[in-house]
């Protein structure tokens, strides 16, 4: 399983979206998104930005395929103590 497949699939499932819903947001068919999610096709910059907005993470997280939002939340909680 490719890193891209694992990352995009886990993000989508974490947010309870279907491939069809994500495809609609980034402006492609479900079949095209399935190919992107499988790692056989790369996202365009505009598609990556739309995914970042959808998931509430940075464009850098999409490009590097790392979800740092959890780390940021943990650090914020630790800073309060």
C-alpha atoms as a PDB file:
ATOM      1  CA  UNK A   1       0.000   0.000   0.000  1.00  0.00           C
ATOM      2  CA  UNK A   2       1.424   3.375  -0.985  1.00  0.00           C
ATOM      3  CA  UNK A   3       1.962   6.195   1.491  1.00  0.00           C
ATOM      4  CA  UNK A   4      -0.442   8.378  -0.513  1.00  0.00           C
ATOM      5  CA  UNK A   5      -3.176   5.736  -0.368  1.00  0.00           C
ATOM      6  CA  UNK A   6      -2.782   5.296   3.355  1.00  0.00           C
ATOM      7  CA  UNK A   7      -2.736   9.060   4.019  1.00  0.00           C
ATOM      8  CA  UNK A   8      -5.671  10.131   1.866  1.00  0.00           C
ATOM      9  CA  UNK A   9      -7.780   7.106   2.767  1.00  0.00           C
ATOM     10  CA  UNK A  10      -7.223   7.596   6.484  1.00  0.00           C
ATOM     11  CA  UNK A  11      -8.009  11.322   6.273  1.00  0.00           C
ATOM     12  CA  UNK A  12     -11.216  10.644   4.377  1.00  0.00           C
ATOM     13  CA  UNK A  13     -12.313   7.911   6.761  1.00  0.00           C
ATOM     14  CA  UNK A  14     -11.359   9.961   9.828  1.00  0.00           C
ATOM     15  CA  UNK A  15     -13.819  12.623   8.649  1.00  0.00           C
ATOM     16  CA  UNK A  16     -16.503  10.105   7.574  1.00  0.00           C
ATOM     17  CA  UNK A  17     -16.501  11.210   3.929  1.00  0.00           C
ATOM     18  CA  UNK A  18     -17.146   9.024   0.924  1.00  0.00           C
ATOM     19  CA  UNK A  19     -14.930   9.134  -2.129  1.00  0.00           C
ATOM     20  CA  UNK A  20     -17.849  10.734  -3.963  1.00  0.00           C
ATOM     21  CA  UNK A  21     -18.070  13.576  -1.432  1.00  0.00           C
ATOM     22  CA  UNK A  22     -14.354  14.318  -1.575  1.00  0.00           C
ATOM     23  CA  UNK A  23     -14.379  14.100  -5.367  1.00  0.00           C
ATOM     24  CA  UNK A  24     -17.181  16.687  -5.520  1.00  0.00           C
ATOM     25  CA  UNK A  25     -15.185  19.075  -3.323  1.00  0.00           C
ATOM     26  CA  UNK A  26     -12.036  18.887  -5.440  1.00  0.00           C
ATOM     27  CA  UNK A  27     -13.949  18.900  -8.726  1.00  0.00           C
ATOM     28  CA  UNK A  28     -13.303  15.426 -10.121  1.00  0.00           C
ATOM     29  CA  UNK A  29     -15.304  12.245 -10.598  1.00  0.00           C
ATOM     30  CA  UNK A  30     -15.351   9.561  -7.927  1.00  0.00           C
ATOM     31  CA  UNK A  31     -13.352   7.332 -10.255  1.00  0.00           C
ATOM     32  CA  UNK A  32     -10.642   9.970 -10.673  1.00  0.00           C
ATOM     33  CA  UNK A  33     -10.477  10.528  -6.927  1.00  0.00           C
ATOM     34  CA  UNK A  34     -10.160   6.769  -6.387  1.00  0.00           C
ATOM     35  CA  UNK A  35      -7.126   6.811  -8.694  1.00  0.00           C
ATOM     36  CA  UNK A  36      -5.656   9.769  -6.752  1.00  0.00           C
ATOM     37  CA  UNK A  37      -6.330   8.042  -3.445  1.00  0.00           C
ATOM     38  CA  UNK A  38      -4.684   4.847  -4.720  1.00  0.00           C
ATOM     39  CA  UNK A  39      -1.487   6.769  -5.410  1.00  0.00           C
ATOM     40  CA  UNK A  40      -1.581   6.284  -9.171  1.00  0.00           C
ATOM     41  CA  UNK A  41      -2.218   9.980  -9.891  1.00  0.00           C
ATOM     42  CA  UNK A  42      -0.959  13.108  -8.163  1.00  0.00           C
ATOM     43  CA  UNK A  43      -3.145  15.985  -7.009  1.00  0.00           C
ATOM     44  CA  UNK A  44      -2.938  19.343  -8.708  1.00  0.00           C
ATOM     45  CA  UNK A  45      -2.053  22.294  -6.498  1.00  0.00           C
ATOM     46  CA  UNK A  46      -5.647  23.555  -6.548  1.00  0.00           C
ATOM     47  CA  UNK A  47      -6.957  20.099  -5.612  1.00  0.00           C
ATOM     48  CA  UNK A  48      -4.439  19.848  -2.769  1.00  0.00           C
ATOM     49  CA  UNK A  49      -5.558  23.270  -1.466  1.00  0.00           C
ATOM     50  CA  UNK A  50      -9.210  22.181  -1.566  1.00  0.00           C
ATOM     51  CA  UNK A  51      -8.369  19.020   0.393  1.00  0.00           C
ATOM     52  CA  UNK A  52      -6.437  21.028   2.973  1.00  0.00           C
ATOM     53  CA  UNK A  53      -9.446  23.325   3.407  1.00  0.00           C
ATOM     54  CA  UNK A  54     -11.841  20.375   3.603  1.00  0.00           C
ATOM     55  CA  UNK A  55      -9.854  18.617   6.310  1.00  0.00           C
ATOM     56  CA  UNK A  56      -8.792  21.750   8.167  1.00  0.00           C
ATOM     57  CA  UNK A  57      -5.096  21.037   7.792  1.00  0.00           C
ATOM     58  CA  UNK A  58      -2.285  22.920   6.118  1.00  0.00           C
ATOM     59  CA  UNK A  59      -1.359  22.633   2.478  1.00  0.00           C
ATOM     60  CA  UNK A  60       2.063  21.535   3.724  1.00  0.00           C
ATOM     61  CA  UNK A  61       0.416  18.596   5.529  1.00  0.00           C
ATOM     62  CA  UNK A  62      -1.252  17.547   2.264  1.00  0.00           C
ATOM     63  CA  UNK A  63       1.968  17.867   0.277  1.00  0.00           C
ATOM     64  CA  UNK A  64       4.129  16.063   2.845  1.00  0.00           C
ATOM     65  CA  UNK A  65       1.280  13.674   3.647  1.00  0.00           C
ATOM     66  CA  UNK A  66       1.559  14.209   7.379  1.00  0.00           C
ATOM     67  CA  UNK A  67      -1.373  15.250   9.558  1.00  0.00           C
ATOM     68  CA  UNK A  68       0.234  17.519  12.136  1.00  0.00           C
ATOM     69  CA  UNK A  69      -3.086  18.843  13.456  1.00  0.00           C
ATOM     70  CA  UNK A  70      -3.063  16.275  16.271  1.00  0.00           C
ATOM     71  CA  UNK A  71       0.450  17.300  17.319  1.00  0.00           C
ATOM     72  CA  UNK A  72      -0.601  20.954  17.386  1.00  0.00           C
ATOM     73  CA  UNK A  73      -3.614  20.170  19.584  1.00  0.00           C
ATOM     74  CA  UNK A  74      -1.513  18.129  22.007  1.00  0.00           C
ATOM     75  CA  UNK A  75       1.073  20.871  22.258  1.00  0.00           C
ATOM     76  CA  UNK A  76      -1.657  23.433  22.915  1.00  0.00           C
ATOM     77  CA  UNK A  77      -3.095  21.318  25.743  1.00  0.00           C
ATOM     78  CA  UNK A  78       0.355  20.790  27.260  1.00  0.00           C
ATOM     79  CA  UNK A  79       1.043  24.520  27.146  1.00  0.00           C
ATOM     80  CA  UNK A  80      -1.980  25.161  29.370  1.00  0.00           C
ATOM     81  CA  UNK A  81      -0.636  23.075  32.236  1.00  0.00           C
END
